C-alpha atoms as a PDB file:
ATOM      1  CA  MET A   1       0.000   0.000   0.000  1.00  0.00           C
ATOM      2  CA  THR A   2       1.289   3.445  -0.879  1.00  0.00           C
ATOM      3  CA  THR A   3       2.298   5.635   2.042  1.00  0.00           C
ATOM      4  CA  PRO A   4      -0.326   8.333   2.494  1.00  0.00           C
ATOM      5  CA  THR A   5       0.576  11.849   1.457  1.00  0.00           C
ATOM      6  CA  THR A   6      -0.824  14.260   4.020  1.00  0.00           C
ATOM      7  CA  GLY A   7      -0.271  17.408   1.968  1.00  0.00           C
ATOM      8  CA  ARG A   8      -2.968  16.749  -0.635  1.00  0.00           C
ATOM      9  CA  LYS A   9      -6.378  18.069   0.414  1.00  0.00           C
ATOM     10  CA  ILE A  10      -8.040  19.328  -2.754  1.00  0.00           C
ATOM     11  CA  LEU A  11      -8.998  16.860  -5.496  1.00  0.00           C
ATOM     12  CA  THR A  12     -10.003  18.024  -8.946  1.00  0.00           C
ATOM     13  CA  VAL A  13     -12.546  16.189 -11.066  1.00  0.00           C
ATOM     14  CA  ASP A  14      -9.852  14.785 -13.357  1.00  0.00           C
ATOM     15  CA  GLU A  15      -7.715  13.603 -10.449  1.00  0.00           C
ATOM     16  CA  PHE A  16     -10.684  11.878  -8.849  1.00  0.00           C
ATOM     17  CA  ILE A  17     -11.572  10.090 -12.105  1.00  0.00           C
ATOM     18  CA  GLU A  18      -7.973   8.910 -12.552  1.00  0.00           C
ATOM     19  CA  LEU A  19      -7.926   7.504  -9.015  1.00  0.00           C
ATOM     20  CA  VAL A  20     -11.240   5.693  -9.549  1.00  0.00           C
ATOM     21  CA  VAL A  21      -9.985   4.172 -12.822  1.00  0.00           C
ATOM     22  CA  GLU A  22      -6.790   3.062 -11.083  1.00  0.00           C
ATOM     23  CA  TRP A  23      -8.724   1.447  -8.242  1.00  0.00           C
ATOM     24  CA  THR A  24     -11.131  -0.286 -10.662  1.00  0.00           C
ATOM     25  CA  GLU A  25      -8.334  -1.756 -12.756  1.00  0.00           C
ATOM     26  CA  ALA A  26      -6.667  -3.190  -9.662  1.00  0.00           C
ATOM     27  CA  ASN A  27      -9.867  -4.607  -8.145  1.00  0.00           C
ATOM     28  CA  GLN A  28     -11.770  -6.262 -10.994  1.00  0.00           C
ATOM     29  CA  ALA A  29     -12.056  -9.609  -9.199  1.00  0.00           C
ATOM     30  CA  ALA A  30     -13.447  -7.996  -6.041  1.00  0.00           C
ATOM     31  CA  ILE A  31     -15.908  -5.965  -8.123  1.00  0.00           C
ATOM     32  CA  ALA A  32     -17.096  -9.083  -9.954  1.00  0.00           C
ATOM     33  CA  ALA A  33     -17.675 -10.849  -6.629  1.00  0.00           C
ATOM     34  CA  ALA A  34     -19.630  -7.893  -5.233  1.00  0.00           C
ATOM     35  CA  TRP A  35     -21.631  -7.536  -8.438  1.00  0.00           C
ATOM     36  CA  ALA A  36     -22.682 -11.202  -8.349  1.00  0.00           C
ATOM     37  CA  ASN A  37     -24.539 -10.626  -5.073  1.00  0.00           C
ATOM     38  CA  PRO A  38     -28.236  -9.846  -5.527  1.00  0.00           C
ATOM     39  CA  GLY A  39     -29.680  -6.418  -4.789  1.00  0.00           C
ATOM     40  CA  GLU A  40     -28.200  -2.943  -4.908  1.00  0.00           C
ATOM     41  CA  GLY A  41     -25.833  -3.347  -1.964  1.00  0.00           C
ATOM     42  CA  TRP A  42     -22.601  -3.137  -3.910  1.00  0.00           C
ATOM     43  CA  GLU A  43     -23.130   0.556  -4.603  1.00  0.00           C
ATOM     44  CA  ASP A  44     -22.430   1.308  -0.925  1.00  0.00           C
ATOM     45  CA  TRP A  45     -19.544  -1.143  -1.021  1.00  0.00           C
ATOM     46  CA  ILE A  46     -17.876   0.538  -3.975  1.00  0.00           C
ATOM     47  CA  ARG A  47     -18.211   3.971  -2.382  1.00  0.00           C
ATOM     48  CA  ILE A  48     -16.531   2.733   0.801  1.00  0.00           C
ATOM     49  CA  GLU A  49     -13.736   0.978  -1.128  1.00  0.00           C
ATOM     50  CA  ILE A  50     -13.040   4.030  -3.288  1.00  0.00           C
ATOM     51  CA  THR A  51     -12.871   6.157  -0.137  1.00  0.00           C
ATOM     52  CA  ARG A  52     -10.391   3.769   1.471  1.00  0.00           C
ATOM     53  CA  PHE A  53      -8.238   3.684  -1.654  1.00  0.00           C
ATOM     54  CA  ILE A  54      -8.068   7.467  -2.134  1.00  0.00           C
ATOM     55  CA  GLN A  55      -7.464   8.253   1.522  1.00  0.00           C
ATOM     56  CA  GLY A  56      -4.798   5.550   1.554  1.00  0.00           C
ATOM     57  CA  ARG A  57      -3.092   7.557  -1.171  1.00  0.00           C
ATOM     58  CA  PHE A  58      -3.934  11.030   0.136  1.00  0.00           C
ATOM     59  CA  LEU A  59      -4.789  10.910   3.809  1.00  0.00           C
ATOM     60  CA  ALA A  60      -5.973  14.511   3.961  1.00  0.00           C
ATOM     61  CA  ALA A  61      -8.233  14.238   0.910  1.00  0.00           C
ATOM     62  CA  ASP A  62     -11.715  15.495   1.744  1.00  0.00           C
ATOM     63  CA  LEU A  63     -14.344  13.220   0.168  1.00  0.00           C
ATOM     64  CA  GLY A  64     -17.247  14.761   1.986  1.00  0.00           C
ATOM     65  CA  ARG A  65     -18.940  14.369   5.315  1.00  0.00           C
ATOM     66  CA  GLU A  66     -22.083  16.223   4.335  1.00  0.00           C
ATOM     67  CA  ARG A  67     -24.064  14.334   1.687  1.00  0.00           C
ATOM     68  CA  HIS A  68     -27.486  16.002   1.978  1.00  0.00           C
ATOM     69  CA  VAL A  69     -27.039  18.493  -0.842  1.00  0.00           C
ATOM     70  CA  TYR A  70     -30.387  18.314  -2.641  1.00  0.00           C
ATOM     71  CA  THR A  71     -33.637  20.253  -2.417  1.00  0.00           C
ATOM     72  CA  ASP A  72     -35.200  16.974  -1.314  1.00  0.00           C
ATOM     73  CA  THR A  73     -33.400  16.459   1.996  1.00  0.00           C
ATOM     74  CA  SER A  74     -34.198  12.746   1.984  1.00  0.00           C
ATOM     75  CA  LYS A  75     -31.776  12.274  -0.943  1.00  0.00           C
ATOM     76  CA  GLN A  76     -28.014  11.909  -0.556  1.00  0.00           C
ATOM     77  CA  CYS A  77     -25.086  12.065  -2.934  1.00  0.00           C
ATOM     78  CA  ASP A  78     -22.150   9.647  -2.814  1.00  0.00           C
ATOM     79  CA  PHE A  79     -19.295  12.146  -2.514  1.00  0.00           C
ATOM     80  CA  VAL A  80     -18.765  15.857  -1.981  1.00  0.00           C
ATOM     81  CA  LEU A  81     -15.128  16.446  -2.881  1.00  0.00           C
ATOM     82  CA  ASN A  82     -13.450  19.277  -0.984  1.00  0.00           C
ATOM     83  CA  GLY A  83     -16.636  19.995   0.931  1.00  0.00           C
ATOM     84  CA  GLN A  84     -14.868  21.034   4.134  1.00  0.00           C
ATOM     85  CA  VAL A  85     -11.449  22.197   2.924  1.00  0.00           C
ATOM     86  CA  ALA A  86     -12.548  24.466   0.052  1.00  0.00           C
ATOM     87  CA  PRO A  87     -14.020  27.788   1.238  1.00  0.00           C
ATOM     88  CA  ASP A  88     -14.991  28.542  -2.360  1.00  0.00           C
ATOM     89  CA  PRO A  89     -18.070  26.420  -3.236  1.00  0.00           C
ATOM     90  CA  ALA A  90     -16.979  26.457  -6.896  1.00  0.00           C
ATOM     91  CA  ARG A  91     -14.070  24.157  -6.000  1.00  0.00           C
ATOM     92  CA  ARG A  92     -16.375  21.482  -4.619  1.00  0.00           C
ATOM     93  CA  VAL A  93     -17.532  18.491  -6.640  1.00  0.00           C
ATOM     94  CA  VAL A  94     -20.761  16.595  -6.050  1.00  0.00           C
ATOM     95  CA  VAL A  95     -20.424  12.985  -7.229  1.00  0.00           C
ATOM     96  CA  GLU A  96     -23.068  10.347  -7.903  1.00  0.00           C
ATOM     97  CA  ILE A  97     -22.121   6.662  -8.334  1.00  0.00           C
ATOM     98  CA  LYS A  98     -24.425   4.233 -10.142  1.00  0.00           C
ATOM     99  CA  THR A  99     -23.739   0.501 -10.210  1.00  0.00           C
ATOM    100  CA  GLN A 100     -25.447  -2.058 -12.405  1.00  0.00           C
ATOM    101  CA  SER A 101     -26.718  -5.044 -10.502  1.00  0.00           C
ATOM    102  CA  GLN A 102     -26.734  -8.493 -12.014  1.00  0.00           C
ATOM    103  CA  GLY A 103     -29.507  -8.994 -14.516  1.00  0.00           C
ATOM    104  CA  ARG A 104     -30.203  -5.238 -14.832  1.00  0.00           C
ATOM    105  CA  LEU A 105     -28.023  -4.194 -17.742  1.00  0.00           C
ATOM    106  CA  ALA A 106     -31.129  -3.266 -19.715  1.00  0.00           C
ATOM    107  CA  HIS A 107     -32.061  -0.830 -16.922  1.00  0.00           C
ATOM    108  CA  PHE A 108     -28.623   0.690 -16.533  1.00  0.00           C
ATOM    109  CA  ARG A 109     -29.231   3.454 -19.071  1.00  0.00           C
ATOM    110  CA  GLY A 110     -32.294   4.712 -17.243  1.00  0.00           C
ATOM    111  CA  ASP A 111     -30.588   4.415 -13.842  1.00  0.00           C
ATOM    112  CA  PHE A 112     -27.590   6.430 -15.026  1.00  0.00           C
ATOM    113  CA  LYS A 113     -29.832   9.131 -16.525  1.00  0.00           C
ATOM    114  CA  GLN A 114     -31.686   9.386 -13.220  1.00  0.00           C
ATOM    115  CA  ASP A 115     -28.418  10.250 -11.511  1.00  0.00           C
ATOM    116  CA  LEU A 116     -27.769  12.952 -14.110  1.00  0.00           C
ATOM    117  CA  GLU A 117     -31.229  14.393 -13.449  1.00  0.00           C
ATOM    118  CA  LYS A 118     -30.680  14.113  -9.696  1.00  0.00           C
ATOM    119  CA  LEU A 119     -27.629  16.356 -10.016  1.00  0.00           C
ATOM    120  CA  ASP A 120     -29.929  19.069 -11.377  1.00  0.00           C
ATOM    121  CA  GLU A 121     -31.603  19.284  -7.957  1.00  0.00           C
ATOM    122  CA  LEU A 122     -28.710  20.695  -5.929  1.00  0.00           C
ATOM    123  CA  ALA A 123     -29.640  23.281  -3.326  1.00  0.00           C
ATOM    124  CA  GLY A 124     -28.007  26.263  -1.642  1.00  0.00           C
ATOM    125  CA  GLU A 125     -24.285  26.787  -2.078  1.00  0.00           C
ATOM    126  CA  TYR A 126     -23.956  23.372  -3.745  1.00  0.00           C
ATOM    127  CA  ARG A 127     -25.463  24.937  -6.860  1.00  0.00           C
ATOM    128  CA  TYR A 128     -21.985  26.456  -7.397  1.00  0.00           C
ATOM    129  CA  ALA A 129     -20.296  23.049  -7.228  1.00  0.00           C
ATOM    130  CA  GLN A 130     -19.104  21.005 -10.195  1.00  0.00           C
ATOM    131  CA  ARG A 131     -21.067  17.819 -10.822  1.00  0.00           C
ATOM    132  CA  LEU A 132     -19.925  14.342 -11.801  1.00  0.00           C
ATOM    133  CA  ALA A 133     -21.861  11.140 -12.526  1.00  0.00           C
ATOM    134  CA  ILE A 134     -20.046   7.789 -12.685  1.00  0.00           C
ATOM    135  CA  GLY A 135     -21.567   4.442 -13.618  1.00  0.00           C
ATOM    136  CA  PHE A 136     -20.230   0.867 -13.456  1.00  0.00           C
ATOM    137  CA  PHE A 137     -21.665  -1.821 -15.723  1.00  0.00           C
ATOM    138  CA  PHE A 138     -20.831  -5.227 -17.156  1.00  0.00           C
ATOM    139  CA  THR A 139     -20.685  -5.773 -20.902  1.00  0.00           C
ATOM    140  CA  LYS A 140     -21.424  -9.481 -20.298  1.00  0.00           C
ATOM    141  CA  ASP A 141     -24.419  -9.677 -18.031  1.00  0.00           C
ATOM    142  CA  ALA A 142     -24.446 -13.386 -17.139  1.00  0.00           C
ATOM    143  CA  GLY A 143     -27.722 -14.333 -15.510  1.00  0.00           C
ATOM    144  CA  ALA A 144     -27.266 -16.459 -12.386  1.00  0.00           C
ATOM    145  CA  ALA A 145     -29.863 -18.975 -13.542  1.00  0.00           C
ATOM    146  CA  THR A 146     -29.350 -19.258 -17.302  1.00  0.00           C
ATOM    147  CA  GLY A 147     -25.687 -18.302 -17.641  1.00  0.00           C
ATOM    148  CA  LYS A 148     -26.463 -16.691 -21.011  1.00  0.00           C
ATOM    149  CA  LEU A 149     -24.733 -13.633 -22.290  1.00  0.00           C
ATOM    150  CA  PHE A 150     -26.607 -10.375 -22.673  1.00  0.00           C
ATOM    151  CA  SER A 151     -28.452 -10.268 -26.003  1.00  0.00           C
ATOM    152  CA  PRO A 152     -26.692  -8.779 -29.061  1.00  0.00           C
ATOM    153  CA  VAL A 153     -29.512  -6.269 -29.528  1.00  0.00           C
ATOM    154  CA  GLY A 154     -29.106  -5.112 -25.952  1.00  0.00           C
ATOM    155  CA  ALA A 155     -25.352  -4.815 -26.428  1.00  0.00           C
ATOM    156  CA  ARG A 156     -25.851  -2.652 -29.518  1.00  0.00           C
ATOM    157  CA  ASN A 157     -28.340  -0.399 -27.708  1.00  0.00           C
ATOM    158  CA  LEU A 158     -25.977  -0.024 -24.783  1.00  0.00           C
ATOM    159  CA  ALA A 159     -23.068   0.795 -27.106  1.00  0.00           C
ATOM    160  CA  GLU A 160     -25.098   3.505 -28.837  1.00  0.00           C
ATOM    161  CA  PHE A 161     -26.167   4.973 -25.497  1.00  0.00           C
ATOM    162  CA  LEU A 162     -22.632   5.002 -24.132  1.00  0.00           C
ATOM    163  CA  ASN A 163     -21.398   6.733 -27.269  1.00  0.00           C
ATOM    164  CA  ASP A 164     -22.547  10.047 -25.786  1.00  0.00           C
ATOM    165  CA  TYR A 165     -20.284   9.765 -22.732  1.00  0.00           C
ATOM    166  CA  HIS A 166     -16.727   9.178 -21.616  1.00  0.00           C
ATOM    167  CA  ARG A 167     -16.122   5.504 -20.844  1.00  0.00           C
ATOM    168  CA  VAL A 168     -13.405   3.004 -20.191  1.00  0.00           C
ATOM    169  CA  TYR A 169     -13.501  -0.787 -20.489  1.00  0.00           C
ATOM    170  CA  PHE A 170     -11.538  -3.100 -18.190  1.00  0.00           C
ATOM    171  CA  SER A 171     -10.293  -6.609 -18.862  1.00  0.00           C
ATOM    172  CA  SER A 172      -7.956  -9.099 -17.251  1.00  0.00           C
ATOM    173  CA  LYS A 173      -6.268  -9.471 -20.668  1.00  0.00           C
ATOM    174  CA  TYR A 174      -5.866  -5.886 -21.791  1.00  0.00           C
ATOM    175  CA  LYS A 175      -5.130  -2.501 -20.283  1.00  0.00           C
ATOM    176  CA  PRO A 176      -8.106  -0.202 -19.763  1.00  0.00           C
ATOM    177  CA  TRP A 177      -9.512   0.902 -23.089  1.00  0.00           C
ATOM    178  CA  ARG A 178     -10.573   4.547 -22.973  1.00  0.00           C
ATOM    179  CA  ILE A 179     -13.081   5.956 -25.434  1.00  0.00           C
ATOM    180  CA  GLU A 180     -14.148   9.580 -25.707  1.00  0.00           C
ATOM    181  CA  PRO A 181     -17.683  10.674 -26.584  1.00  0.00           C
ATOM    182  CA  ASP A 182     -18.585  10.092 -30.248  1.00  0.00           C
ATOM    183  CA  GLU A 183     -15.404   8.082 -30.839  1.00  0.00           C
ATOM    184  CA  MET A 184     -17.003   4.653 -30.994  1.00  0.00           C
ATOM    185  CA  ALA A 185     -16.129   3.136 -34.358  1.00  0.00           C
ATOM    186  CA  ASP A 186     -19.109   2.398 -36.575  1.00  0.00           C
ATOM    187  CA  ASP A 187     -17.955  -1.151 -37.225  1.00  0.00           C
ATOM    188  CA  LEU A 188     -17.771  -1.827 -33.477  1.00  0.00           C
ATOM    189  CA  VAL A 189     -21.356  -0.701 -33.026  1.00  0.00           C
ATOM    190  CA  SER A 190     -22.462  -2.869 -35.965  1.00  0.00           C
ATOM    191  CA  ARG A 191     -20.544  -5.870 -34.650  1.00  0.00           C
ATOM    192  CA  ALA A 192     -22.425  -5.582 -31.373  1.00  0.00           C
ATOM    193  CA  GLY A 193     -25.334  -7.148 -33.235  1.00  0.00           C
ATOM    194  CA  SER A 194     -23.320 -10.150 -34.378  1.00  0.00           C
ATOM    195  CA  PRO A 195     -24.230 -13.631 -33.086  1.00  0.00           C
ATOM    196  CA  LYS A 196     -20.515 -14.171 -32.549  1.00  0.00           C
ATOM    197  CA  LEU A 197     -20.395 -11.366 -30.001  1.00  0.00           C
ATOM    198  CA  ALA A 198     -18.678 -13.537 -27.369  1.00  0.00           C
ATOM    199  CA  GLN A 199     -15.852 -14.447 -29.762  1.00  0.00           C
ATOM    200  CA  GLU A 200     -15.083 -10.902 -30.869  1.00  0.00           C
ATOM    201  CA  ARG A 201     -11.861  -9.449 -29.537  1.00  0.00           C
ATOM    202  CA  ASP A 202     -13.560  -6.267 -28.332  1.00  0.00           C
ATOM    203  CA  ASP A 203     -16.000  -8.268 -26.239  1.00  0.00           C
ATOM    204  CA  VAL A 204     -13.374  -9.512 -23.817  1.00  0.00           C
ATOM    205  CA  PHE A 205     -13.958  -6.215 -21.961  1.00  0.00           C
ATOM    206  CA  GLU A 206     -16.425  -7.336 -19.320  1.00  0.00           C
ATOM    207  CA  LEU A 207     -16.395  -4.411 -16.892  1.00  0.00           C
ATOM    208  CA  GLY A 208     -17.111  -0.873 -18.002  1.00  0.00           C
ATOM    209  CA  MET A 209     -17.122   2.554 -16.390  1.00  0.00           C
ATOM    210  CA  VAL A 210     -18.919   5.568 -17.832  1.00  0.00           C
ATOM    211  CA  TRP A 211     -18.789   9.130 -16.585  1.00  0.00           C
ATOM    212  CA  TRP A 212     -20.066  12.569 -17.423  1.00  0.00           C
ATOM    213  CA  ARG A 213     -19.014  15.910 -16.027  1.00  0.00           C
ATOM    214  CA  LEU A 214     -21.566  18.701 -15.631  1.00  0.00           C
ATOM    215  CA  ASP A 215     -21.034  22.415 -15.165  1.00  0.00           C
ATOM    216  CA  PRO A 216     -22.266  24.115 -11.977  1.00  0.00           C
ATOM    217  CA  LEU A 217     -25.928  25.012 -11.874  1.00  0.00           C
ATOM    218  CA  ALA A 218     -24.990  28.590 -10.988  1.00  0.00           C
ATOM    219  CA  THR A 219     -21.943  30.821 -10.870  1.00  0.00           C
ATOM    220  CA  ALA A 220     -21.155  33.813  -8.680  1.00  0.00           C
ATOM    221  CA  GLU A 221     -21.197  36.078 -11.752  1.00  0.00           C
ATOM    222  CA  GLU A 222     -24.668  34.907 -12.738  1.00  0.00           C
ATOM    223  CA  GLU A 223     -25.934  35.406  -9.179  1.00  0.00           C
ATOM    224  CA  GLU A 224     -24.520  38.946  -9.129  1.00  0.00           C
ATOM    225  CA  GLU A 225     -26.163  39.742 -12.469  1.00  0.00           C
ATOM    226  CA  GLU A 226     -29.496  38.412 -11.210  1.00  0.00           C
ATOM    227  CA  GLU A 227     -29.194  40.458  -8.018  1.00  0.00           C
ATOM    228  CA  GLU A 228     -28.340  43.594 -10.009  1.00  0.00           C
ATOM    229  CA  GLU A 229     -31.304  42.967 -12.290  1.00  0.00           C
ATOM    230  CA  ASP A 230     -33.583  42.471  -9.288  1.00  0.00           C
ATOM    231  CA  ASP A 231     -32.263  45.685  -7.715  1.00  0.00           C
ATOM    232  CA  THR A 232     -32.832  47.559 -10.974  1.00  0.00           C
ATOM    233  CA  ASN A 233     -36.384  46.237 -11.271  1.00  0.00           C
ATOM    234  CA  SER A 234     -37.077  47.105  -7.644  1.00  0.00           C
ATOM    235  CA  SER A 235     -35.687  50.608  -8.180  1.00  0.00           C
ATOM    236  CA  VAL A 236     -37.856  51.103 -11.268  1.00  0.00           C
ATOM    237  CA  GLU A 237     -40.930  49.830  -9.456  1.00  0.00           C
ATOM    238  CA  SER A 238     -40.183  52.075  -6.487  1.00  0.00           C
ATOM    239  CA  SER A 239     -39.712  55.063  -8.800  1.00  0.00           C
ATOM    240  CA  ASP A 240     -42.983  54.292 -10.583  1.00  0.00           C
ATOM    241  CA  GLU A 241     -44.793  54.042  -7.278  1.00  0.00           C
ATOM    242  CA  SER A 242     -43.268  57.331  -6.115  1.00  0.00           C
ATOM    243  CA  ASP A 243     -44.291  59.060  -9.352  1.00  0.00           C
ATOM    244  CA  ALA A 244     -47.795  57.679  -9.040  1.00  0.00           C
ATOM    245  CA  LYS A 245     -48.087  58.867  -5.445  1.00  0.00           C
ATOM    246  CA  GLN A 246     -46.728  62.288  -6.402  1.00  0.00           C
ATOM    247  CA  SER A 247     -49.207  62.474  -9.278  1.00  0.00           C
ATOM    248  CA  ASP A 248     -52.100  61.521  -6.995  1.00  0.00           C
ATOM    249  CA  SER A 249     -50.974  64.096  -4.447  1.00  0.00           C
ATOM    250  CA  THR A 250     -50.729  66.802  -7.113  1.00  0.00           C
ATOM    251  CA  SER A 251     -54.170  65.901  -8.444  1.00  0.00           C
ATOM    252  CA  THR A 252     -55.644  66.040  -4.950  1.00  0.00           C
ATOM    253  CA  ARG A 253     -54.079  69.436  -4.263  1.00  0.00           C
ATOM    254  CA  THR A 254     -55.378  70.712  -7.622  1.00  0.00           C
ATOM    255  CA  LYS A 255     -58.916  69.556  -6.844  1.00  0.00           C
ATOM    256  CA  ARG A 256     -58.773  71.161  -3.410  1.00  0.00           C
ATOM    257  CA  GLY A 257     -57.525  74.410  -4.989  1.00  0.00           C
ATOM    258  CA  VAL A 258     -60.421  74.412  -7.482  1.00  0.00           C
ATOM    259  CA  LYS A 259     -62.929  73.853  -4.691  1.00  0.00           C
ATOM    260  CA  ARG A 260     -61.446  76.689  -2.636  1.00  0.00           C
ATOM    261  CA  LYS A 261     -61.493  79.009  -5.681  1.00  0.00           C
ATOM    262  CA  ARG A 262     -65.133  78.203  -6.369  1.00  0.00           C
ATOM    263  CA  ALA A 263     -65.981  78.861  -2.746  1.00  0.00           C
ATOM    264  CA  ASP A 264     -64.166  82.181  -2.830  1.00  0.00           C
ATOM    265  CA  ASP A 265     -65.887  83.170  -6.084  1.00  0.00           C
ATOM    266  CA  ASP A 266     -69.294  82.372  -4.618  1.00  0.00           C
ATOM    267  CA  SER A 267     -68.657  84.386  -1.477  1.00  0.00           C
ATOM    268  CA  ASP A 268     -67.515  87.426  -3.510  1.00  0.00           C
ATOM    269  CA  ASP A 269     -70.669  87.498  -5.736  1.00  0.00           C
ATOM    270  CA  PRO A 270     -72.462  90.842  -5.117  1.00  0.00           C
ATOM    271  CA  ASP A 271     -75.791  89.189  -5.886  1.00  0.00           C
ATOM    272  CA  ASP A 272     -75.440  86.993  -2.793  1.00  0.00           C
ATOM    273  CA  SER A 273     -76.002  89.823  -0.332  1.00  0.00           C
ATOM    274  CA  ASP A 274     -78.949  87.946   1.152  1.00  0.00           C
ATOM    275  CA  GLY A 275     -76.555  85.242   2.330  1.00  0.00           C
ATOM    276  CA  SER A 276     -78.071  82.547   0.144  1.00  0.00           C
ATOM    277  CA  GLY A 277     -74.729  81.900  -1.590  1.00  0.00           C
ATOM    278  CA  GLY A 278     -76.240  82.613  -5.010  1.00  0.00           C
ATOM    279  CA  SER A 279     -78.625  79.651  -4.820  1.00  0.00           C
ATOM    280  CA  ASP A 280     -81.975  80.239  -6.541  1.00  0.00           C
ATOM    281  CA  SER A 281     -83.429  76.858  -5.685  1.00  0.00           C
ATOM    282  CA  SER A 282     -86.126  78.279  -3.359  1.00  0.00           C
ATOM    283  CA  ASP A 283     -87.259  80.814  -5.991  1.00  0.00           C
ATOM    284  CA  ASP A 284     -87.304  78.108  -8.658  1.00  0.00           C
ATOM    285  CA  GLU A 285     -89.418  75.863  -6.499  1.00  0.00           C
ATOM    286  CA  SER A 286     -91.864  78.722  -5.771  1.00  0.00           C
ATOM    287  CA  ASP A 287     -92.085  79.625  -9.458  1.00  0.00           C
ATOM    288  CA  ALA A 288     -92.660  76.011 -10.398  1.00  0.00           C
ATOM    289  CA  MET A 289     -95.442  75.690  -7.846  1.00  0.00           C
ATOM    290  CA  SER A 290     -97.064  78.885  -9.129  1.00  0.00           C
ATOM    291  CA  ASP A 291     -96.956  77.643 -12.719  1.00  0.00           C
ATOM    292  CA  ASP A 292     -98.430  74.272 -11.781  1.00  0.00           C
ATOM    293  CA  GLU A 293    -101.240  75.829  -9.774  1.00  0.00           C
ATOM    294  CA  SER A 294    -102.176  78.288 -12.544  1.00  0.00           C
ATOM    295  CA  ASP A 295    -102.199  75.551 -15.188  1.00  0.00           C
ATOM    296  CA  ASP A 296    -104.529  73.111 -13.479  1.00  0.00           C
ATOM    297  CA  GLY A 297    -107.528  75.424 -14.062  1.00  0.00           C
ATOM    298  CA  GLU A 298    -108.719  75.213 -10.453  1.00  0.00           C
ATOM    299  CA  THR A 299    -109.387  78.118  -8.101  1.00  0.00           C
ATOM    300  CA  ALA A 300    -106.504  78.519  -5.803  1.00  0.00           C
ATOM    301  CA  SER A 301    -105.470  81.014  -3.264  1.00  0.00           C
ATOM    302  CA  PRO A 302    -103.181  83.525  -4.777  1.00  0.00           C
ATOM    303  CA  PRO A 303     -99.587  83.134  -3.727  1.00  0.00           C
ATOM    304  CA  PRO A 304     -98.358  85.503  -1.109  1.00  0.00           C
ATOM    305  CA  THR A 305     -96.937  88.689  -2.433  1.00  0.00           C
ATOM    306  CA  LYS A 306     -93.138  88.447  -2.583  1.00  0.00           C
ATOM    307  CA  LYS A 307     -91.084  91.326  -1.425  1.00  0.00           C
ATOM    308  CA  PRO A 308     -88.620  92.584  -3.969  1.00  0.00           C
ATOM    309  CA  LYS A 309     -85.094  91.420  -3.328  1.00  0.00           C
ATOM    310  CA  THR A 310     -82.033  93.336  -4.020  1.00  0.00           C
ATOM    311  CA  GLY A 311     -79.908  91.588  -6.602  1.00  0.00           C
ATOM    312  CA  ASN A 312     -81.370  89.002  -9.022  1.00  0.00           C
ATOM    313  CA  THR A 313     -85.156  89.129  -8.842  1.00  0.00           C
ATOM    314  CA  ARG A 314     -87.013  86.571 -10.948  1.00  0.00           C
ATOM    315  CA  GLN A 315     -90.632  87.171 -11.953  1.00  0.00           C
ATOM    316  CA  GLY A 316     -93.216  84.387 -11.638  1.00  0.00           C
END
């Protein structure tokens, strides 16, 4: 075992991937034994073994104590690299590990995609972190009961799916075979449908690892821009509200000024010397009553004689 190096604390994404590949190559037999057990238990096992391997190499490496990083607090990630030793959240890496259980190669694609979608649900400061999804699968999925190889059609579908991602194949005969996205040869994909799949040289790779690196969900620059935009919108809204209030206040003062002017004009009218404020409503009512009584053709008592008024005097 390599003597631990205490100086290394921060692990980059690339360094972490290289360490995982190194551990996988050296532990294929142990992985095969864990994979043969039923259930999903070997996902926890592989996380623990990777932790032991990396900390055996770099004792001070921080692989994450806090794993509740999602909006749904019931969910956990597998690793948070540099979670405690990196003050800058942008230097942290949230890692998800997906392992294919025996007999579930056909479901591996969907399981791996679920981890990619899960990484879109990071909360709080973990939204600044880099994201990494890693999956382990077997190119020969031997069923415990039948002992048959995975179907050629399934192998072709898996090869086409994996073509979008970084992957590496492991074998006891050959060194790890690394393939970049979109670098799968067309003839290899076509040969995956051959009935002689088990005899093909490329098929000796039984264990595979796929990974995909995702950018942070947010950056400090984007957050600052959003805050500035929010402040600008708030300032505009506040200004609009202030202008509206000022306009309402001006309108109210104008209306009050008009009312006061009308009141002053009425009080200054020389025809209002009787104190009636210029209102002729009583005279109008009297005139109207006189007209109605004279038009109905009946004898009625004559209206009382009205004393002349100074100012506007209306005749009945």
